C-alpha atoms as a PDB file:
ATOM      1  CA  MET A   1     -44.413 -11.128  97.045  1.00  0.00           C
ATOM      2  CA  GLY A   2     -41.158 -12.377  96.239  1.00  0.00           C
ATOM      3  CA  ALA A   3     -38.060 -10.730  95.655  1.00  0.00           C
ATOM      4  CA  ARG A   4     -37.229  -8.537  92.635  1.00  0.00           C
ATOM      5  CA  ARG A   5     -34.526  -9.590  90.539  1.00  0.00           C
ATOM      6  CA  GLY A   6     -32.214  -6.652  90.093  1.00  0.00           C
ATOM      7  CA  ALA A   7     -31.161  -4.747  87.106  1.00  0.00           C
ATOM      8  CA  ARG A   8     -28.513  -6.075  84.997  1.00  0.00           C
ATOM      9  CA  ASP A   9     -25.098  -4.225  84.990  1.00  0.00           C
ATOM     10  CA  PRO A  10     -25.563  -2.549  80.966  1.00  0.00           C
ATOM     11  CA  LEU A  11     -21.572  -2.632  80.850  1.00  0.00           C
ATOM     12  CA  ARG A  12     -21.514  -5.983  81.662  1.00  0.00           C
ATOM     13  CA  ASP A  13     -23.855  -6.981  78.845  1.00  0.00           C
ATOM     14  CA  VAL A  14     -22.111  -4.940  76.694  1.00  0.00           C
ATOM     15  CA  VAL A  15     -18.898  -6.740  77.343  1.00  0.00           C
ATOM     16  CA  ASP A  16     -20.656 -10.149  77.566  1.00  0.00           C
ATOM     17  CA  GLY A  17     -21.608  -8.673  73.862  1.00  0.00           C
ATOM     18  CA  ARG A  18     -18.346  -8.353  72.453  1.00  0.00           C
ATOM     19  CA  ALA A  19     -16.976 -11.429  73.740  1.00  0.00           C
ATOM     20  CA  GLY A  20     -19.707 -13.524  71.821  1.00  0.00           C
ATOM     21  CA  ALA A  21     -19.207 -11.462  68.722  1.00  0.00           C
ATOM     22  CA  ALA A  22     -15.696 -12.272  69.407  1.00  0.00           C
ATOM     23  CA  ARG A  23     -16.170 -16.300  69.876  1.00  0.00           C
ATOM     24  CA  ARG A  24     -18.258 -16.154  66.795  1.00  0.00           C
ATOM     25  CA  ARG A  25     -15.817 -14.650  64.267  1.00  0.00           C
ATOM     26  CA  ALA A  26     -13.048 -17.185  65.779  1.00  0.00           C
ATOM     27  CA  ARG A  27     -15.308 -19.859  64.655  1.00  0.00           C
ATOM     28  CA  ARG A  28     -15.613 -18.523  61.214  1.00  0.00           C
ATOM     29  CA  VAL A  29     -12.157 -17.575  60.423  1.00  0.00           C
ATOM     30  CA  VAL A  30     -10.947 -20.614  59.851  1.00  0.00           C
ATOM     31  CA  SER A  31      -7.163 -20.519  57.529  1.00  0.00           C
ATOM     32  CA  ASP A  32      -6.304 -23.714  54.682  1.00  0.00           C
ATOM     33  CA  PRO A  33      -2.684 -24.745  55.590  1.00  0.00           C
ATOM     34  CA  SER A  34      -1.229 -21.714  53.509  1.00  0.00           C
ATOM     35  CA  GLY A  35      -3.289 -19.429  55.446  1.00  0.00           C
ATOM     36  CA  ARG A  36      -5.565 -18.360  52.572  1.00  0.00           C
ATOM     37  CA  VAL A  37      -9.222 -18.021  53.238  1.00  0.00           C
ATOM     38  CA  VAL A  38     -11.242 -16.953  50.089  1.00  0.00           C
ATOM     39  CA  ALA A  39     -13.686 -14.240  50.812  1.00  0.00           C
ATOM     40  CA  GLU A  40     -16.240 -15.244  48.444  1.00  0.00           C
ATOM     41  CA  LEU A  41     -16.631 -18.522  49.906  1.00  0.00           C
ATOM     42  CA  GLY A  42     -15.935 -17.851  53.223  1.00  0.00           C
ATOM     43  CA  ARG A  43     -13.873 -20.665  53.869  1.00  0.00           C
ATOM     44  CA  PRO A  44     -11.028 -21.889  52.766  1.00  0.00           C
ATOM     45  CA  GLU A  45     -10.049 -23.323  49.434  1.00  0.00           C
ATOM     46  CA  THR A  46     -10.231 -26.691  48.880  1.00  0.00           C
ATOM     47  CA  PRO A  47      -7.208 -28.260  46.693  1.00  0.00           C
ATOM     48  CA  GLU A  48      -9.258 -28.738  43.664  1.00  0.00           C
ATOM     49  CA  GLU A  49     -10.578 -25.084  43.789  1.00  0.00           C
ATOM     50  CA  THR A  50      -6.376 -24.185  44.194  1.00  0.00           C
ATOM     51  CA  ALA A  51      -5.517 -25.751  41.491  1.00  0.00           C
ATOM     52  CA  GLU A  52      -8.667 -24.742  39.162  1.00  0.00           C
ATOM     53  CA  ARG A  53      -7.520 -21.279  40.280  1.00  0.00           C
ATOM     54  CA  LYS A  54      -4.106 -21.271  39.732  1.00  0.00           C
ATOM     55  CA  ALA A  55      -4.800 -23.259  35.909  1.00  0.00           C
ATOM     56  CA  ARG A  56      -7.437 -19.880  35.338  1.00  0.00           C
ATOM     57  CA  ASP A  57      -4.554 -17.556  36.541  1.00  0.00           C
ATOM     58  CA  ARG A  58      -2.083 -18.990  34.298  1.00  0.00           C
ATOM     59  CA  VAL A  59      -4.356 -18.743  31.453  1.00  0.00           C
ATOM     60  CA  LEU A  60      -5.301 -15.226  32.279  1.00  0.00           C
ATOM     61  CA  ARG A  61      -1.310 -14.398  32.449  1.00  0.00           C
ATOM     62  CA  ARG A  62      -0.318 -16.161  29.097  1.00  0.00           C
ATOM     63  CA  SER A  63      -3.813 -14.072  27.496  1.00  0.00           C
ATOM     64  CA  ARG A  64      -2.130 -11.068  28.601  1.00  0.00           C
ATOM     65  CA  GLN A  65       1.400 -11.420  27.713  1.00  0.00           C
ATOM     66  CA  ASN A  66       0.093 -12.568  24.172  1.00  0.00           C
ATOM     67  CA  TRP A  67      -1.494  -9.201  23.842  1.00  0.00           C
ATOM     68  CA  ARG A  68       1.372  -7.752  25.287  1.00  0.00           C
ATOM     69  CA  ASN A  69       3.918  -9.286  22.665  1.00  0.00           C
ATOM     70  CA  LEU A  70       1.542  -8.650  19.846  1.00  0.00           C
ATOM     71  CA  VAL A  71       1.262  -4.757  20.642  1.00  0.00           C
ATOM     72  CA  GLY A  72       5.108  -4.764  21.172  1.00  0.00           C
ATOM     73  CA  SER A  73       5.669  -6.158  17.565  1.00  0.00           C
ATOM     74  CA  LEU A  74       3.444  -4.155  15.734  1.00  0.00           C
ATOM     75  CA  VAL A  75       4.821  -1.146  17.744  1.00  0.00           C
ATOM     76  CA  ALA A  76       8.252  -2.314  16.472  1.00  0.00           C
ATOM     77  CA  CYS A  77       7.246  -3.140  12.962  1.00  0.00           C
ATOM     78  CA  VAL A  78       5.943   0.481  12.597  1.00  0.00           C
ATOM     79  CA  LEU A  79       8.926   2.096  13.912  1.00  0.00           C
ATOM     80  CA  LEU A  80      10.945  -0.024  11.659  1.00  0.00           C
ATOM     81  CA  VAL A  81       9.224   1.267   8.831  1.00  0.00           C
ATOM     82  CA  ALA A  82       9.052   5.033  10.071  1.00  0.00           C
ATOM     83  CA  ALA A  83      12.992   4.279   9.686  1.00  0.00           C
ATOM     84  CA  ILE A  84      13.310   3.192   6.641  1.00  0.00           C
ATOM     85  CA  VAL A  85      11.493   5.948   5.282  1.00  0.00           C
ATOM     86  CA  LEU A  86      13.457   7.925   7.227  1.00  0.00           C
ATOM     87  CA  ILE A  87      16.898   6.863   5.684  1.00  0.00           C
ATOM     88  CA  VAL A  88      16.435   6.001   2.426  1.00  0.00           C
ATOM     89  CA  PRO A  89      17.092   8.637   0.017  1.00  0.00           C
ATOM     90  CA  ARG A  90      14.123  10.225  -1.890  1.00  0.00           C
ATOM     91  CA  GLY A  91      14.271  12.222  -4.790  1.00  0.00           C
ATOM     92  CA  ASP A  92      11.501  14.534  -6.036  1.00  0.00           C
ATOM     93  CA  GLN A  93      11.860  13.001  -9.645  1.00  0.00           C
ATOM     94  CA  PRO A  94      10.510   8.960 -10.418  1.00  0.00           C
ATOM     95  CA  VAL A  95      13.530   6.604 -10.984  1.00  0.00           C
ATOM     96  CA  GLN A  96      14.087   6.734 -14.567  1.00  0.00           C
ATOM     97  CA  ARG A  97      15.359   3.620 -16.673  1.00  0.00           C
ATOM     98  CA  ASP A  98      18.367   4.098 -19.053  1.00  0.00           C
ATOM     99  CA  VAL A  99      18.326   1.388 -21.530  1.00  0.00           C
ATOM    100  CA  ASP A 100      21.291   0.592 -23.464  1.00  0.00           C
ATOM    101  CA  VAL A 101      19.921   1.203 -26.553  1.00  0.00           C
ATOM    102  CA  GLN A 102      22.950   0.350 -28.608  1.00  0.00           C
ATOM    103  CA  GLN A 103      23.302  -3.080 -27.036  1.00  0.00           C
ATOM    104  CA  VAL A 104      19.668  -4.143 -27.268  1.00  0.00           C
ATOM    105  CA  ALA A 105      19.333  -3.320 -30.962  1.00  0.00           C
ATOM    106  CA  GLN A 106      22.881  -5.698 -31.404  1.00  0.00           C
ATOM    107  CA  GLN A 107      21.104  -8.327 -29.691  1.00  0.00           C
ATOM    108  CA  TYR A 108      17.771  -8.174 -31.421  1.00  0.00           C
ATOM    109  CA  GLY A 109      19.222  -7.626 -34.777  1.00  0.00           C
ATOM    110  CA  ASP A 110      19.316 -11.696 -35.758  1.00  0.00           C
ATOM    111  CA  THR A 111      15.811 -11.846 -34.409  1.00  0.00           C
ATOM    112  CA  ALA A 112      14.701  -8.880 -36.459  1.00  0.00           C
ATOM    113  CA  GLY A 113      16.421 -10.100 -39.763  1.00  0.00           C
ATOM    114  CA  ARG A 114      18.283  -6.725 -40.479  1.00  0.00           C
ATOM    115  CA  PRO A 115      19.970  -4.396 -38.963  1.00  0.00           C
ATOM    116  CA  LEU A 116      18.174  -1.780 -36.716  1.00  0.00           C
ATOM    117  CA  ILE A 117      18.479   1.796 -35.964  1.00  0.00           C
ATOM    118  CA  ALA A 118      20.324   2.975 -33.006  1.00  0.00           C
ATOM    119  CA  PRO A 119      20.787   6.788 -32.644  1.00  0.00           C
ATOM    120  CA  ALA A 120      23.277   8.121 -30.806  1.00  0.00           C
ATOM    121  CA  VAL A 121      21.336  10.817 -28.549  1.00  0.00           C
ATOM    122  CA  PRO A 122      22.876  13.224 -26.357  1.00  0.00           C
ATOM    123  CA  ALA A 123      23.270  12.785 -22.858  1.00  0.00           C
ATOM    124  CA  GLY A 124      20.082  14.531 -21.604  1.00  0.00           C
ATOM    125  CA  TRP A 125      18.275  11.431 -23.180  1.00  0.00           C
ATOM    126  CA  LYS A 126      17.329   8.438 -21.307  1.00  0.00           C
ATOM    127  CA  ALA A 127      15.933   5.270 -23.038  1.00  0.00           C
ATOM    128  CA  ASN A 128      13.017   3.927 -21.110  1.00  0.00           C
ATOM    129  CA  ALA A 129      12.292   1.166 -23.431  1.00  0.00           C
ATOM    130  CA  ALA A 130      14.085  -0.486 -26.539  1.00  0.00           C
ATOM    131  CA  GLU A 131      12.092  -3.482 -27.868  1.00  0.00           C
ATOM    132  CA  LEU A 132      10.945  -5.403 -30.392  1.00  0.00           C
ATOM    133  CA  ARG A 133       6.748  -5.401 -30.842  1.00  0.00           C
ATOM    134  CA  GLY A 134       4.188  -6.949 -32.901  1.00  0.00           C
ATOM    135  CA  SER A 135       0.882  -5.736 -33.350  1.00  0.00           C
ATOM    136  CA  GLY A 136      -2.076  -6.520 -36.201  1.00  0.00           C
ATOM    137  CA  ASP A 137      -0.279  -4.362 -38.874  1.00  0.00           C
ATOM    138  CA  GLY A 138       3.227  -6.169 -38.117  1.00  0.00           C
ATOM    139  CA  SER A 139       6.169  -6.058 -36.320  1.00  0.00           C
ATOM    140  CA  SER A 140       8.332  -2.949 -35.452  1.00  0.00           C
ATOM    141  CA  TRP A 141      11.613  -1.884 -33.478  1.00  0.00           C
ATOM    142  CA  TYR A 142      10.774   0.645 -30.827  1.00  0.00           C
ATOM    143  CA  VAL A 143      12.773   3.189 -28.601  1.00  0.00           C
ATOM    144  CA  GLY A 144      11.634   5.538 -26.511  1.00  0.00           C
ATOM    145  CA  TRP A 145      13.216   8.044 -24.901  1.00  0.00           C
ATOM    146  CA  VAL A 146      12.415  10.849 -21.781  1.00  0.00           C
ATOM    147  CA  ILE A 147      14.702  14.150 -22.307  1.00  0.00           C
ATOM    148  CA  ASP A 148      15.806  16.180 -19.228  1.00  0.00           C
ATOM    149  CA  GLY A 149      13.425  14.309 -17.631  1.00  0.00           C
ATOM    150  CA  ALA A 150      10.283  16.054 -19.113  1.00  0.00           C
ATOM    151  CA  GLU A 151       9.600  15.329 -22.841  1.00  0.00           C
ATOM    152  CA  TYR A 152       9.027  12.736 -24.881  1.00  0.00           C
ATOM    153  CA  ALA A 153      10.529  11.310 -28.290  1.00  0.00           C
ATOM    154  CA  GLY A 154       9.909   7.927 -30.132  1.00  0.00           C
ATOM    155  CA  LEU A 155      11.419   5.969 -32.841  1.00  0.00           C
ATOM    156  CA  THR A 156       9.363   3.126 -34.746  1.00  0.00           C
ATOM    157  CA  GLU A 157      11.067   1.144 -37.407  1.00  0.00           C
ATOM    158  CA  GLY A 158       9.279  -1.398 -39.617  1.00  0.00           C
ATOM    159  CA  LEU A 159      10.526  -5.032 -39.747  1.00  0.00           C
ATOM    160  CA  PRO A 160      10.850  -6.679 -43.798  1.00  0.00           C
ATOM    161  CA  GLY A 161       7.331  -8.426 -44.460  1.00  0.00           C
ATOM    162  CA  THR A 162       5.538  -6.497 -42.218  1.00  0.00           C
ATOM    163  CA  ASP A 163       2.148  -3.733 -43.403  1.00  0.00           C
ATOM    164  CA  ASP A 164       2.743  -0.628 -43.503  1.00  0.00           C
ATOM    165  CA  LEU A 165       2.876   0.895 -39.740  1.00  0.00           C
ATOM    166  CA  LEU A 166       2.178   4.531 -40.555  1.00  0.00           C
ATOM    167  CA  ALA A 167      -1.180   5.173 -39.843  1.00  0.00           C
ATOM    168  CA  THR A 168      -1.090   3.717 -36.427  1.00  0.00           C
ATOM    169  CA  THR A 169       2.288   4.937 -35.564  1.00  0.00           C
ATOM    170  CA  MET A 170       1.190   8.349 -36.502  1.00  0.00           C
ATOM    171  CA  GLN A 171      -2.126   8.148 -35.306  1.00  0.00           C
ATOM    172  CA  ARG A 172      -3.667   8.449 -38.476  1.00  0.00           C
ATOM    173  CA  ALA A 173      -2.714  11.798 -39.082  1.00  0.00           C
ATOM    174  CA  ARG A 174      -2.681  13.597 -42.116  1.00  0.00           C
ATOM    175  CA  PRO A 175       0.799  14.680 -43.753  1.00  0.00           C
ATOM    176  CA  THR A 176       1.472  18.540 -43.156  1.00  0.00           C
ATOM    177  CA  GLY A 177       4.510  18.948 -45.384  1.00  0.00           C
ATOM    178  CA  THR A 178       8.008  17.518 -46.476  1.00  0.00           C
ATOM    179  CA  THR A 179      11.606  18.117 -45.761  1.00  0.00           C
ATOM    180  CA  THR A 180      14.952  16.665 -45.987  1.00  0.00           C
ATOM    181  CA  ILE A 181      16.850  15.703 -43.111  1.00  0.00           C
ATOM    182  CA  GLY A 182      19.984  13.560 -43.571  1.00  0.00           C
ATOM    183  CA  GLY A 183      19.855  13.490 -46.863  1.00  0.00           C
ATOM    184  CA  LEU A 184      16.627  11.836 -46.759  1.00  0.00           C
ATOM    185  CA  PRO A 185      13.036  12.798 -47.522  1.00  0.00           C
ATOM    186  CA  TRP A 186      10.763  13.305 -44.822  1.00  0.00           C
ATOM    187  CA  ARG A 187       6.865  13.514 -44.673  1.00  0.00           C
ATOM    188  CA  VAL A 188       6.377  15.832 -41.863  1.00  0.00           C
ATOM    189  CA  TYR A 189       3.386  15.083 -39.340  1.00  0.00           C
ATOM    190  CA  ASP A 190       2.541  18.552 -37.354  1.00  0.00           C
ATOM    191  CA  ARG A 191      -0.164  18.490 -34.840  1.00  0.00           C
ATOM    192  CA  ARG A 192       0.921  21.028 -32.388  1.00  0.00           C
ATOM    193  CA  GLU A 193      -1.735  22.795 -32.381  1.00  0.00           C
ATOM    194  CA  LEU A 194      -3.893  20.391 -31.036  1.00  0.00           C
ATOM    195  CA  GLY A 195      -2.263  20.375 -27.408  1.00  0.00           C
ATOM    196  CA  ARG A 196      -2.802  17.990 -25.542  1.00  0.00           C
ATOM    197  CA  ASP A 197      -5.034  15.967 -28.092  1.00  0.00           C
ATOM    198  CA  ALA A 198      -2.089  15.740 -30.023  1.00  0.00           C
ATOM    199  CA  GLY A 199      -1.346  12.820 -27.408  1.00  0.00           C
ATOM    200  CA  ASN A 200       2.380  11.645 -28.087  1.00  0.00           C
ATOM    201  CA  VAL A 201       2.678  12.742 -31.368  1.00  0.00           C
ATOM    202  CA  ALA A 202       2.619  16.640 -31.539  1.00  0.00           C
ATOM    203  CA  TYR A 203       5.663  16.400 -33.857  1.00  0.00           C
ATOM    204  CA  GLY A 204       6.811  13.704 -36.375  1.00  0.00           C
ATOM    205  CA  LEU A 205       8.819  12.574 -39.229  1.00  0.00           C
ATOM    206  CA  ALA A 206       8.430   9.515 -41.898  1.00  0.00           C
ATOM    207  CA  THR A 207      10.409   7.762 -44.080  1.00  0.00           C
ATOM    208  CA  ARG A 208      11.670   4.736 -45.780  1.00  0.00           C
ATOM    209  CA  ILE A 209      15.099   3.335 -45.321  1.00  0.00           C
ATOM    210  CA  GLY A 210      15.646  -0.166 -47.455  1.00  0.00           C
ATOM    211  CA  GLY A 211      11.904  -0.691 -48.028  1.00  0.00           C
ATOM    212  CA  VAL A 212      10.448  -0.137 -44.424  1.00  0.00           C
ATOM    213  CA  LEU A 213       8.679   2.390 -42.706  1.00  0.00           C
ATOM    214  CA  VAL A 214      11.122   4.456 -40.010  1.00  0.00           C
ATOM    215  CA  ALA A 215       9.320   6.967 -37.820  1.00  0.00           C
ATOM    216  CA  VAL A 216      10.222   9.524 -35.219  1.00  0.00           C
ATOM    217  CA  TYR A 217       8.149  11.779 -33.074  1.00  0.00           C
ATOM    218  CA  GLY A 218       7.100  13.212 -29.880  1.00  0.00           C
ATOM    219  CA  THR A 219       6.247  15.898 -27.645  1.00  0.00           C
ATOM    220  CA  ALA A 220       9.961  17.338 -27.761  1.00  0.00           C
ATOM    221  CA  PRO A 221      10.518  20.556 -29.690  1.00  0.00           C
ATOM    222  CA  GLU A 222      10.459  20.505 -32.920  1.00  0.00           C
ATOM    223  CA  ARG A 223      14.199  20.682 -33.655  1.00  0.00           C
ATOM    224  CA  GLU A 224      14.672  17.404 -31.052  1.00  0.00           C
ATOM    225  CA  ILE A 225      12.410  15.576 -33.517  1.00  0.00           C
ATOM    226  CA  ARG A 226      14.266  17.057 -36.461  1.00  0.00           C
ATOM    227  CA  ASP A 227      17.703  16.245 -34.589  1.00  0.00           C
ATOM    228  CA  LEU A 228      16.704  12.302 -34.031  1.00  0.00           C
ATOM    229  CA  ALA A 229      15.612  12.527 -37.587  1.00  0.00           C
ATOM    230  CA  ALA A 230      19.249  13.047 -38.879  1.00  0.00           C
ATOM    231  CA  LYS A 231      20.606  10.300 -36.379  1.00  0.00           C
ATOM    232  CA  ALA A 232      18.428   7.843 -37.131  1.00  0.00           C
ATOM    233  CA  ALA A 233      19.596   8.779 -40.928  1.00  0.00           C
ATOM    234  CA  ALA A 234      23.110   8.669 -39.808  1.00  0.00           C
ATOM    235  CA  SER A 235      22.853   5.142 -37.614  1.00  0.00           C
ATOM    236  CA  ALA A 236      20.934   3.610 -40.817  1.00  0.00           C
ATOM    237  CA  GLU A 237      23.775   4.468 -42.966  1.00  0.00           C
ATOM    238  CA  ALA A 238      26.457   2.749 -40.541  1.00  0.00           C
ATOM    239  CA  ARG A 239      24.645   0.227 -40.087  1.00  0.00           C
ATOM    240  CA  GLY A 240      24.603  -0.567 -44.210  1.00  0.00           C
ATOM    241  CA  LEU A 241      20.959  -0.175 -44.862  1.00  0.00           C
ATOM    242  CA  GLU A 242      20.754  -0.348 -48.138  1.00  0.00           C
ATOM    243  CA  GLY A 243      17.973   1.468 -50.229  1.00  0.00           C
ATOM    244  CA  GLY A 244      17.789   5.245 -50.859  1.00  0.00           C
ATOM    245  CA  GLY A 245      14.864   7.068 -48.398  1.00  0.00           C
ATOM    246  CA  THR A 246      11.519   7.303 -50.220  1.00  0.00           C
ATOM    247  CA  LEU A 247       8.216   8.727 -48.985  1.00  0.00           C
ATOM    248  CA  PRO A 248       5.926   6.532 -47.164  1.00  0.00           C
END
């Protein structure tokens, strides 16, 4: 029989195996000039791949930066609005206009064709409207007041050549009596028992001065409306409106 080969040293086999693996790894790991190896490729990047990767990275950075800028701008706007809301003083009551009725009446006098009534009202009365109005029933001079921030009072003066405005002004209510205020006779329109259904004409007074309708009305207490009628009569007299008062 031939000579039997001796058993291979196990330790030597292990050492040889490790050395072989190390040599194989050394052959696979090859770096590009910058020393960068792409794991998913298992090889260095080519110059074209490097350029494409850098371009993608730039686009991604710009996209992220745009989103950060957008979020930052929105946050800044919210903070600015919040600061304005906190800084600007606010009252519990809405802002009320205070029209200079005397001045507006003087400006519109020529257009109206006659002096316009502009009562001198107490300090607590704020005029929120003073204007010439036109409707199917004719043209008129209108003034509206808010009294002490709560109640309403209005004045309507018809203009020459217009139809009778009484029905629409008094919401087609029937008169409930007559009275004398400021030396003039007035028809009374008391609708307070209707409550909210009375609208803006809970109590009203109407007369004719110089041939046209003059009416005062509102939701204010009766004494306030009667005082407005007296001041309207005084204003008409001061402006030289001729013709004694007659009942409409």
